[in-house]
């Protein structure tokens, strides 16, 4: 740096280098996924990710965003600073169903682009089917079952499991 007056430019000062001037916003987080594969619950949803490059200034916080699939409005999940690459959302206050998550990273220069999204169910186990009725065919070679469908509790029911028990006397 130099000073200038009406006479001329003065002598240069000593050079000073600072990382602040060369810092950029962080790279977007990558690898966003459900923390425990297959463990989807209505009380909590956990996600993990890999930090992107800090680009000259440490990441001060991550922001986790979610929205119901089909919605265009995201909600910020965290109310306090998240400084690790993992977050558990208290999903007990959410409507059960499929949620889309993404994460951003922030440093002193700004906020990264959003990570790729991941879709996770916020759901509980389905309820028990009710009113189960077994009907034996006239030829007594087939059994037809009928029941009242269970409540899905946020995740689509994809099948039913049956267990045949033998050796029980008919009433």
N, C-alpha and C. Protein backbone atom coordinates (compact mmCIF):
# COMPACT_ATOMS: atom_id res chain seq x y z
N UNK A 1 0.84 -1.15 0.00
CA UNK A 1 0.00 0.00 0.00
C UNK A 1 0.90 1.23 0.00
N UNK A 2 0.45 2.27 -0.64
CA UNK A 2 1.19 3.55 -0.64
C UNK A 2 0.23 4.68 -0.33
N UNK A 3 0.80 5.78 0.13
CA UNK A 3 0.02 7.00 0.34
C UNK A 3 0.35 7.96 -0.79
N UNK A 4 -0.62 8.75 -1.17
CA UNK A 4 -0.42 9.71 -2.27
C UNK A 4 -0.84 11.08 -1.77
N UNK A 5 0.01 12.11 -2.09
CA UNK A 5 -0.38 13.49 -1.81
C UNK A 5 -0.19 14.31 -3.08
N UNK A 6 -0.25 15.63 -2.99
CA UNK A 6 -0.12 16.49 -4.17
C UNK A 6 1.25 16.40 -4.80
N UNK A 7 2.23 16.02 -4.00
CA UNK A 7 3.60 15.97 -4.52
C UNK A 7 3.83 14.70 -5.32
N UNK A 8 3.50 13.55 -4.74
CA UNK A 8 3.77 12.27 -5.42
C UNK A 8 3.29 11.12 -4.55
N UNK A 9 3.51 9.94 -5.06
CA UNK A 9 3.19 8.72 -4.33
C UNK A 9 4.33 8.41 -3.38
N UNK A 10 4.01 7.98 -2.17
CA UNK A 10 5.02 7.70 -1.16
C UNK A 10 5.61 6.29 -1.30
N UNK A 11 6.36 5.90 -0.28
CA UNK A 11 7.04 4.62 -0.24
C UNK A 11 6.02 3.53 0.10
N UNK A 12 6.22 2.34 -0.50
CA UNK A 12 5.33 1.21 -0.24
C UNK A 12 5.48 0.73 1.20
N UNK A 13 4.37 0.33 1.78
CA UNK A 13 4.40 -0.28 3.11
C UNK A 13 4.84 -1.73 2.98
N UNK A 14 5.07 -2.38 4.11
CA UNK A 14 5.39 -3.81 4.09
C UNK A 14 4.16 -4.56 3.57
N UNK A 15 4.41 -5.65 2.82
CA UNK A 15 3.29 -6.43 2.29
C UNK A 15 2.65 -7.26 3.39
N UNK A 16 1.38 -7.42 3.30
CA UNK A 16 0.62 -8.22 4.27
C UNK A 16 -0.27 -9.17 3.48
N UNK A 17 -0.22 -10.45 3.83
CA UNK A 17 -1.06 -11.45 3.17
C UNK A 17 -2.06 -11.97 4.18
N UNK A 18 -3.27 -12.14 3.73
CA UNK A 18 -4.30 -12.69 4.61
C UNK A 18 -5.12 -13.71 3.86
N UNK A 19 -5.45 -14.80 4.52
CA UNK A 19 -6.29 -15.84 3.92
C UNK A 19 -7.71 -15.37 3.70
N UNK A 20 -8.16 -14.39 4.44
CA UNK A 20 -9.52 -13.90 4.32
C UNK A 20 -9.82 -13.44 2.91
N UNK A 21 -8.89 -12.74 2.30
CA UNK A 21 -9.13 -12.22 0.97
C UNK A 21 -9.22 -13.32 -0.08
N UNK A 22 -8.57 -14.44 0.16
CA UNK A 22 -8.59 -15.51 -0.83
C UNK A 22 -9.65 -16.56 -0.56
N UNK A 23 -10.40 -16.43 0.53
CA UNK A 23 -11.41 -17.42 0.88
C UNK A 23 -12.62 -17.31 -0.05
N UNK A 24 -13.28 -18.44 -0.25
CA UNK A 24 -14.49 -18.51 -1.05
C UNK A 24 -15.55 -19.25 -0.25
N UNK A 25 -16.77 -19.24 -0.76
CA UNK A 25 -17.80 -20.03 -0.09
C UNK A 25 -17.41 -21.50 -0.14
N UNK A 26 -17.85 -22.28 0.82
CA UNK A 26 -17.48 -23.70 0.83
C UNK A 26 -18.12 -24.46 -0.33
N UNK A 27 -17.50 -25.56 -0.71
CA UNK A 27 -18.09 -26.43 -1.71
C UNK A 27 -19.30 -27.13 -1.09
N UNK A 28 -20.24 -27.54 -1.92
CA UNK A 28 -21.45 -28.16 -1.38
C UNK A 28 -21.12 -29.50 -0.72
N UNK A 29 -21.84 -29.83 0.35
CA UNK A 29 -21.68 -31.14 0.99
C UNK A 29 -22.08 -32.25 -0.01
N UNK A 30 -21.49 -33.42 0.15
CA UNK A 30 -21.78 -34.54 -0.75
C UNK A 30 -22.17 -35.77 0.05
N UNK A 31 -22.68 -36.77 -0.63
CA UNK A 31 -22.94 -38.07 0.00
C UNK A 31 -24.03 -38.06 1.05
N UNK A 32 -24.98 -37.14 0.97
CA UNK A 32 -26.06 -37.10 1.96
C UNK A 32 -26.85 -38.40 1.93
N UNK A 33 -27.05 -39.01 3.11
CA UNK A 33 -27.81 -40.26 3.20
C UNK A 33 -28.40 -40.41 4.58
N UNK A 34 -29.32 -41.35 4.68
CA UNK A 34 -29.91 -41.69 5.97
C UNK A 34 -28.82 -42.34 6.81
N UNK A 35 -28.73 -41.97 8.08
CA UNK A 35 -27.65 -42.46 8.95
C UNK A 35 -27.70 -43.97 9.13
N UNK A 36 -28.86 -44.52 9.41
CA UNK A 36 -28.99 -45.96 9.61
C UNK A 36 -29.93 -46.48 8.55
N UNK A 37 -29.40 -47.06 7.51
CA UNK A 37 -30.19 -47.53 6.40
C UNK A 37 -31.30 -48.47 6.88
N UNK A 38 -32.50 -48.20 6.39
CA UNK A 38 -33.63 -49.06 6.70
C UNK A 38 -34.32 -48.77 8.02
N UNK A 39 -33.75 -47.91 8.85
CA UNK A 39 -34.36 -47.59 10.13
C UNK A 39 -35.12 -46.28 9.98
N UNK A 40 -36.35 -46.38 9.57
CA UNK A 40 -37.17 -45.19 9.38
C UNK A 40 -38.19 -45.16 10.50
N UNK A 41 -38.28 -44.04 11.16
CA UNK A 41 -39.12 -43.97 12.34
C UNK A 41 -39.86 -42.65 12.39
N UNK A 42 -41.00 -42.64 13.02
CA UNK A 42 -41.77 -41.41 13.15
C UNK A 42 -41.23 -40.48 14.20
N UNK A 43 -40.32 -40.91 15.06
CA UNK A 43 -39.84 -40.05 16.13
C UNK A 43 -38.55 -39.32 15.78
N UNK A 44 -37.75 -39.85 14.87
CA UNK A 44 -36.49 -39.19 14.51
C UNK A 44 -36.04 -39.64 13.12
N UNK A 45 -35.40 -38.71 12.43
CA UNK A 45 -34.79 -39.02 11.14
C UNK A 45 -33.35 -38.51 11.23
N UNK A 46 -32.37 -39.38 10.98
CA UNK A 46 -30.96 -39.01 11.07
C UNK A 46 -30.32 -39.05 9.69
N UNK A 47 -29.54 -37.99 9.39
CA UNK A 47 -28.82 -37.92 8.13
C UNK A 47 -27.34 -37.66 8.39
N UNK A 48 -26.49 -38.11 7.48
CA UNK A 48 -25.05 -37.85 7.53
C UNK A 48 -24.62 -37.43 6.13
N UNK A 49 -23.47 -36.75 6.03
CA UNK A 49 -22.95 -36.30 4.76
C UNK A 49 -21.45 -36.14 4.86
N UNK A 50 -20.83 -35.88 3.73
CA UNK A 50 -19.40 -35.61 3.68
C UNK A 50 -19.22 -34.12 3.43
N UNK A 51 -18.38 -33.48 4.23
CA UNK A 51 -18.13 -32.05 4.08
C UNK A 51 -17.45 -31.79 2.74
N UNK A 52 -17.85 -30.72 2.09
CA UNK A 52 -17.15 -30.27 0.89
C UNK A 52 -15.91 -29.48 1.30
N UNK A 53 -15.11 -29.08 0.34
CA UNK A 53 -13.91 -28.29 0.63
C UNK A 53 -14.30 -26.97 1.28
N UNK A 54 -13.56 -26.57 2.32
CA UNK A 54 -13.84 -25.33 3.04
C UNK A 54 -13.50 -24.11 2.19
N UNK A 55 -12.58 -24.25 1.25
CA UNK A 55 -12.19 -23.18 0.32
C UNK A 55 -11.62 -21.95 1.01
N UNK A 56 -10.74 -22.17 1.98
CA UNK A 56 -10.00 -21.06 2.57
C UNK A 56 -10.53 -20.55 3.89
N UNK A 57 -11.69 -20.96 4.30
CA UNK A 57 -12.24 -20.53 5.58
C UNK A 57 -13.08 -21.67 6.15
N UNK A 58 -12.86 -21.99 7.41
CA UNK A 58 -13.54 -23.12 8.04
C UNK A 58 -15.06 -22.96 7.97
N UNK A 59 -15.74 -24.09 7.81
CA UNK A 59 -17.21 -24.09 7.84
C UNK A 59 -17.65 -23.79 9.26
N UNK A 60 -18.52 -22.79 9.43
CA UNK A 60 -18.99 -22.42 10.75
C UNK A 60 -20.28 -23.16 11.13
N UNK A 61 -21.07 -23.50 10.14
CA UNK A 61 -22.31 -24.24 10.42
C UNK A 61 -22.82 -24.92 9.16
N UNK A 62 -23.56 -25.99 9.39
CA UNK A 62 -24.32 -26.65 8.33
C UNK A 62 -25.78 -26.37 8.60
N UNK A 63 -26.55 -26.22 7.56
CA UNK A 63 -27.99 -26.05 7.70
C UNK A 63 -28.68 -27.20 6.99
N UNK A 64 -29.58 -27.83 7.70
CA UNK A 64 -30.29 -28.98 7.19
C UNK A 64 -31.70 -28.53 6.84
N UNK A 65 -32.11 -28.83 5.62
CA UNK A 65 -33.42 -28.41 5.14
C UNK A 65 -34.22 -29.65 4.74
N UNK A 66 -35.54 -29.59 4.92
CA UNK A 66 -36.39 -30.70 4.50
C UNK A 66 -37.70 -30.15 3.96
N UNK A 67 -38.36 -30.98 3.16
CA UNK A 67 -39.69 -30.65 2.67
C UNK A 67 -40.41 -31.93 2.31
N UNK A 68 -41.72 -31.93 2.48
CA UNK A 68 -42.47 -33.11 2.03
C UNK A 68 -42.27 -33.27 0.52
N UNK A 69 -42.15 -34.51 0.05
CA UNK A 69 -41.98 -34.75 -1.38
C UNK A 69 -43.18 -34.16 -2.11
N UNK A 70 -42.93 -33.43 -3.16
CA UNK A 70 -43.98 -32.76 -3.91
C UNK A 70 -44.12 -31.29 -3.54
N UNK A 71 -43.57 -30.89 -2.40
CA UNK A 71 -43.61 -29.49 -1.98
C UNK A 71 -42.44 -28.74 -2.59
N UNK A 72 -42.58 -27.44 -2.73
CA UNK A 72 -41.49 -26.62 -3.24
C UNK A 72 -40.92 -25.71 -2.16
N UNK A 73 -41.45 -25.80 -0.95
CA UNK A 73 -41.00 -24.95 0.14
C UNK A 73 -40.24 -25.77 1.18
N UNK A 74 -38.97 -25.43 1.37
CA UNK A 74 -38.14 -26.14 2.35
C UNK A 74 -38.23 -25.46 3.70
N UNK A 75 -38.04 -26.26 4.75
CA UNK A 75 -38.01 -25.79 6.12
C UNK A 75 -36.63 -26.07 6.67
N UNK A 76 -36.04 -25.08 7.36
CA UNK A 76 -34.75 -25.30 8.01
C UNK A 76 -34.99 -26.12 9.27
N UNK A 77 -34.33 -27.27 9.36
CA UNK A 77 -34.55 -28.19 10.47
C UNK A 77 -33.83 -27.75 11.74
N UNK A 78 -32.59 -27.28 11.61
CA UNK A 78 -31.80 -26.96 12.80
C UNK A 78 -32.05 -25.53 13.26
N UNK A 79 -32.18 -25.37 14.57
CA UNK A 79 -32.37 -24.04 15.15
C UNK A 79 -31.08 -23.53 15.80
N UNK A 80 -30.11 -24.42 15.97
CA UNK A 80 -28.80 -24.04 16.50
C UNK A 80 -27.73 -24.48 15.50
N UNK A 81 -26.53 -23.99 15.69
CA UNK A 81 -25.44 -24.31 14.77
C UNK A 81 -25.13 -25.81 14.79
N UNK A 82 -25.00 -26.39 13.60
CA UNK A 82 -24.58 -27.78 13.44
C UNK A 82 -23.17 -27.74 12.90
N UNK A 83 -22.21 -28.28 13.64
CA UNK A 83 -20.81 -28.18 13.25
C UNK A 83 -20.20 -29.51 12.83
N UNK A 84 -20.98 -30.59 12.92
CA UNK A 84 -20.52 -31.90 12.48
C UNK A 84 -21.35 -32.32 11.27
N UNK A 85 -20.87 -33.32 10.55
CA UNK A 85 -21.55 -33.76 9.33
C UNK A 85 -22.59 -34.83 9.63
N UNK A 86 -23.43 -34.55 10.62
CA UNK A 86 -24.53 -35.46 10.99
C UNK A 86 -25.59 -34.64 11.70
N UNK A 87 -26.85 -35.07 11.55
CA UNK A 87 -27.95 -34.37 12.21
C UNK A 87 -29.11 -35.33 12.41
N UNK A 88 -29.76 -35.24 13.58
CA UNK A 88 -30.96 -36.01 13.84
C UNK A 88 -32.10 -35.03 14.06
N UNK A 89 -33.11 -35.17 13.23
CA UNK A 89 -34.29 -34.31 13.29
C UNK A 89 -35.34 -34.97 14.16
N UNK A 90 -35.86 -34.23 15.14
CA UNK A 90 -36.98 -34.71 15.95
C UNK A 90 -38.20 -34.67 15.05
N UNK A 91 -38.56 -35.79 14.51
CA UNK A 91 -39.64 -35.85 13.53
C UNK A 91 -41.00 -36.14 14.17
N UNK A 92 -41.05 -36.19 15.49
CA UNK A 92 -42.31 -36.52 16.15
C UNK A 92 -43.37 -35.44 15.93
N UNK A 93 -42.95 -34.23 15.56
CA UNK A 93 -43.90 -33.14 15.34
C UNK A 93 -44.28 -33.00 13.87
N UNK A 94 -43.71 -33.85 13.01
CA UNK A 94 -43.98 -33.78 11.58
C UNK A 94 -45.09 -34.73 11.20
N UNK A 95 -45.76 -34.42 10.11
CA UNK A 95 -46.71 -35.36 9.54
C UNK A 95 -45.91 -36.49 8.93
N UNK A 96 -46.30 -37.72 9.23
CA UNK A 96 -45.58 -38.86 8.67
C UNK A 96 -45.68 -38.86 7.15
N UNK A 97 -44.64 -39.32 6.51
CA UNK A 97 -44.61 -39.40 5.06
C UNK A 97 -43.20 -39.26 4.55
N UNK A 98 -43.06 -39.19 3.23
CA UNK A 98 -41.74 -39.11 2.62
C UNK A 98 -41.26 -37.66 2.65
N UNK A 99 -40.03 -37.46 3.13
CA UNK A 99 -39.42 -36.13 3.21
C UNK A 99 -38.18 -36.08 2.34
N UNK A 100 -37.93 -34.94 1.73
CA UNK A 100 -36.73 -34.72 0.92
C UNK A 100 -35.80 -33.81 1.72
N UNK A 101 -34.55 -34.23 1.90
CA UNK A 101 -33.56 -33.47 2.67
C UNK A 101 -32.45 -32.95 1.77
N UNK A 102 -31.88 -31.79 2.14
CA UNK A 102 -30.62 -31.32 1.57
C UNK A 102 -29.88 -30.51 2.62
N UNK A 103 -28.58 -30.31 2.42
CA UNK A 103 -27.72 -29.64 3.40
C UNK A 103 -26.92 -28.56 2.68
N UNK A 104 -26.68 -27.43 3.37
CA UNK A 104 -25.76 -26.40 2.90
C UNK A 104 -24.70 -26.17 3.97
N UNK A 105 -23.55 -25.65 3.54
CA UNK A 105 -22.45 -25.32 4.46
C UNK A 105 -22.21 -23.81 4.40
N UNK A 106 -21.88 -23.21 5.54
CA UNK A 106 -21.65 -21.76 5.59
C UNK A 106 -20.29 -21.48 6.23
N UNK A 107 -19.55 -20.55 5.63
CA UNK A 107 -18.32 -20.02 6.25
C UNK A 107 -18.41 -18.49 6.19
N UNK A 108 -17.31 -17.78 6.51
CA UNK A 108 -17.36 -16.31 6.57
C UNK A 108 -17.64 -15.68 5.21
N UNK A 109 -17.45 -16.41 4.13
CA UNK A 109 -17.68 -15.85 2.80
C UNK A 109 -19.08 -16.13 2.26
N UNK A 110 -19.84 -17.01 2.90
CA UNK A 110 -21.19 -17.25 2.43
C UNK A 110 -21.61 -18.70 2.56
N UNK A 111 -22.65 -19.05 1.83
CA UNK A 111 -23.27 -20.37 1.91
C UNK A 111 -23.05 -21.13 0.61
N UNK A 112 -22.78 -22.41 0.75
CA UNK A 112 -22.54 -23.29 -0.40
C UNK A 112 -23.83 -23.53 -1.18
N UNK A 113 -23.66 -24.13 -2.32
CA UNK A 113 -24.81 -24.66 -3.05
C UNK A 113 -25.38 -25.81 -2.23
N UNK A 114 -26.63 -26.15 -2.48
CA UNK A 114 -27.27 -27.24 -1.76
C UNK A 114 -26.69 -28.58 -2.19
N UNK A 115 -26.60 -29.50 -1.23
CA UNK A 115 -26.17 -30.86 -1.53
C UNK A 115 -27.23 -31.51 -2.42
N UNK A 116 -26.90 -32.66 -2.97
CA UNK A 116 -27.93 -33.46 -3.63
C UNK A 116 -28.95 -33.84 -2.56
N UNK A 117 -30.16 -34.16 -2.98
CA UNK A 117 -31.20 -34.49 -2.01
C UNK A 117 -31.27 -35.99 -1.75
N UNK A 118 -31.86 -36.32 -0.62
CA UNK A 118 -32.15 -37.71 -0.29
C UNK A 118 -33.59 -37.75 0.23
N UNK A 119 -34.34 -38.77 -0.16
CA UNK A 119 -35.71 -38.93 0.30
C UNK A 119 -35.76 -40.01 1.38
N UNK A 120 -36.37 -39.65 2.49
CA UNK A 120 -36.46 -40.55 3.65
C UNK A 120 -37.88 -40.49 4.18
N UNK A 121 -38.37 -41.63 4.61
CA UNK A 121 -39.68 -41.66 5.25
C UNK A 121 -39.57 -41.25 6.70
N UNK A 122 -40.49 -40.41 7.14
CA UNK A 122 -40.73 -40.18 8.55
C UNK A 122 -41.99 -40.97 8.84
N UNK A 123 -41.83 -42.16 9.38
CA UNK A 123 -42.97 -43.05 9.53
C UNK A 123 -42.81 -43.97 10.73
N UNK A 124 -43.91 -44.49 11.17
CA UNK A 124 -43.91 -45.52 12.20
C UNK A 124 -44.31 -46.84 11.56
N UNK A 125 -44.15 -47.94 12.28
CA UNK A 125 -44.58 -49.24 11.78
C UNK A 125 -46.08 -49.18 11.51
N UNK A 126 -46.54 -49.96 10.53
CA UNK A 126 -47.99 -49.98 10.30
C UNK A 126 -48.71 -50.60 11.49
N UNK A 127 -49.98 -50.22 11.65
CA UNK A 127 -50.76 -50.83 12.72
C UNK A 127 -51.10 -52.27 12.32
N UNK A 128 -51.67 -53.01 13.22
CA UNK A 128 -52.06 -54.40 12.94
C UNK A 128 -53.31 -54.42 12.08
N UNK A 129 -53.35 -55.29 11.07
CA UNK A 129 -54.60 -55.48 10.36
C UNK A 129 -55.66 -55.99 11.36
N UNK A 130 -56.90 -55.68 11.10
CA UNK A 130 -57.96 -56.10 12.02
C UNK A 130 -59.00 -56.93 11.27
N UNK A 131 -59.90 -57.50 12.02
CA UNK A 131 -61.03 -58.27 11.48
C UNK A 131 -60.57 -59.40 10.56
N UNK A 132 -59.52 -60.12 10.95
CA UNK A 132 -59.01 -61.24 10.16
C UNK A 132 -60.03 -62.37 10.17
N UNK A 133 -60.38 -62.83 8.96
CA UNK A 133 -61.32 -63.94 8.81
C UNK A 133 -60.70 -64.96 7.88
N UNK A 134 -60.72 -66.23 8.27
CA UNK A 134 -60.24 -67.33 7.43
C UNK A 134 -61.45 -68.16 7.02
N UNK A 135 -61.58 -68.41 5.71
CA UNK A 135 -62.71 -69.19 5.21
C UNK A 135 -62.18 -70.39 4.45
N UNK A 136 -62.59 -71.57 4.87
CA UNK A 136 -62.17 -72.82 4.24
C UNK A 136 -63.08 -73.10 3.05
N UNK A 137 -62.47 -73.51 1.94
CA UNK A 137 -63.25 -73.80 0.73
C UNK A 137 -64.09 -75.06 0.93
N UNK A 138 -65.09 -75.25 0.07
CA UNK A 138 -65.96 -76.43 0.18
C UNK A 138 -65.16 -77.72 0.09
N UNK A 139 -64.16 -77.74 -0.77
CA UNK A 139 -63.32 -78.94 -0.91
C UNK A 139 -62.29 -79.06 0.19
N UNK A 140 -62.26 -78.10 1.08
CA UNK A 140 -61.34 -78.06 2.21
C UNK A 140 -59.87 -78.15 1.79
N UNK A 141 -59.61 -77.61 0.57
CA UNK A 141 -58.23 -77.61 0.07
C UNK A 141 -57.65 -76.20 -0.05
N UNK A 142 -58.46 -75.18 0.24
CA UNK A 142 -57.99 -73.80 0.16
C UNK A 142 -58.55 -73.01 1.34
N UNK A 143 -57.75 -72.05 1.78
CA UNK A 143 -58.19 -71.12 2.82
C UNK A 143 -58.12 -69.72 2.23
N UNK A 144 -59.19 -68.99 2.33
CA UNK A 144 -59.22 -67.60 1.86
C UNK A 144 -59.21 -66.70 3.09
N UNK A 145 -58.28 -65.75 3.10
CA UNK A 145 -58.17 -64.80 4.21
C UNK A 145 -58.71 -63.45 3.76
N UNK A 146 -59.36 -62.77 4.67
CA UNK A 146 -59.76 -61.37 4.43
C UNK A 146 -59.51 -60.60 5.72
N UNK A 147 -59.30 -59.31 5.61
CA UNK A 147 -59.01 -58.47 6.77
C UNK A 147 -59.26 -57.02 6.43
N UNK A 148 -59.30 -56.22 7.45
CA UNK A 148 -59.38 -54.77 7.29
C UNK A 148 -57.95 -54.24 7.27
N UNK A 149 -57.68 -53.40 6.28
CA UNK A 149 -56.32 -52.91 6.08
C UNK A 149 -55.79 -52.17 7.30
N UNK A 150 -54.51 -52.30 7.50
CA UNK A 150 -53.81 -51.60 8.58
C UNK A 150 -53.57 -50.15 8.19
N UNK A 151 -53.42 -49.28 9.18
CA UNK A 151 -53.02 -47.90 8.91
C UNK A 151 -51.54 -47.91 8.54
N UNK A 152 -51.18 -47.21 7.48
CA UNK A 152 -49.79 -47.24 7.00
C UNK A 152 -48.84 -46.43 7.87
N UNK A 153 -49.34 -45.44 8.58
CA UNK A 153 -48.55 -44.60 9.49
C UNK A 153 -47.37 -43.90 8.80
N UNK A 154 -47.59 -43.49 7.56
CA UNK A 154 -46.62 -42.63 6.88
C UNK A 154 -45.82 -43.27 5.78
N UNK A 155 -45.69 -44.57 5.74
CA UNK A 155 -44.94 -45.24 4.68
C UNK A 155 -45.87 -46.25 4.01
N UNK A 156 -45.84 -46.25 2.70
CA UNK A 156 -46.71 -47.14 1.94
C UNK A 156 -46.54 -48.60 2.37
N UNK A 157 -47.66 -49.29 2.54
CA UNK A 157 -47.60 -50.72 2.85
C UNK A 157 -47.24 -51.44 1.56
N UNK A 158 -46.17 -52.21 1.60
CA UNK A 158 -45.66 -52.85 0.39
C UNK A 158 -45.94 -54.35 0.36
N UNK A 159 -46.55 -54.90 1.38
CA UNK A 159 -46.87 -56.31 1.40
C UNK A 159 -47.41 -56.73 2.74
N UNK A 160 -47.71 -58.01 2.83
CA UNK A 160 -48.21 -58.59 4.07
C UNK A 160 -47.45 -59.88 4.33
N UNK A 161 -47.30 -60.21 5.58
CA UNK A 161 -46.61 -61.43 5.97
C UNK A 161 -47.62 -62.35 6.66
N UNK A 162 -47.60 -63.60 6.27
CA UNK A 162 -48.51 -64.58 6.85
C UNK A 162 -47.70 -65.71 7.46
N UNK A 163 -48.23 -66.27 8.54
CA UNK A 163 -47.58 -67.41 9.15
C UNK A 163 -48.64 -68.49 9.36
N UNK A 164 -48.38 -69.64 8.81
CA UNK A 164 -49.30 -70.76 8.96
C UNK A 164 -48.91 -71.55 10.20
N UNK A 165 -49.87 -71.81 11.03
CA UNK A 165 -49.65 -72.58 12.24
C UNK A 165 -50.45 -73.86 12.10
N UNK A 166 -49.80 -74.98 12.33
CA UNK A 166 -50.49 -76.26 12.22
C UNK A 166 -50.63 -76.90 13.60
N UNK A 167 -51.54 -77.85 13.71
CA UNK A 167 -51.68 -78.57 14.96
C UNK A 167 -52.67 -77.95 15.92
N UNK A 168 -53.39 -76.92 15.51
CA UNK A 168 -54.36 -76.30 16.39
C UNK A 168 -55.73 -76.90 16.05
N UNK A 169 -56.42 -77.34 17.05
CA UNK A 169 -57.74 -77.96 16.83
C UNK A 169 -58.75 -76.91 16.44
N UNK A 170 -59.59 -77.22 15.47
CA UNK A 170 -60.65 -76.30 15.03
C UNK A 170 -61.72 -76.23 16.10
N UNK A 171 -62.31 -75.08 16.24
CA UNK A 171 -63.36 -74.91 17.25
C UNK A 171 -64.69 -75.36 16.73
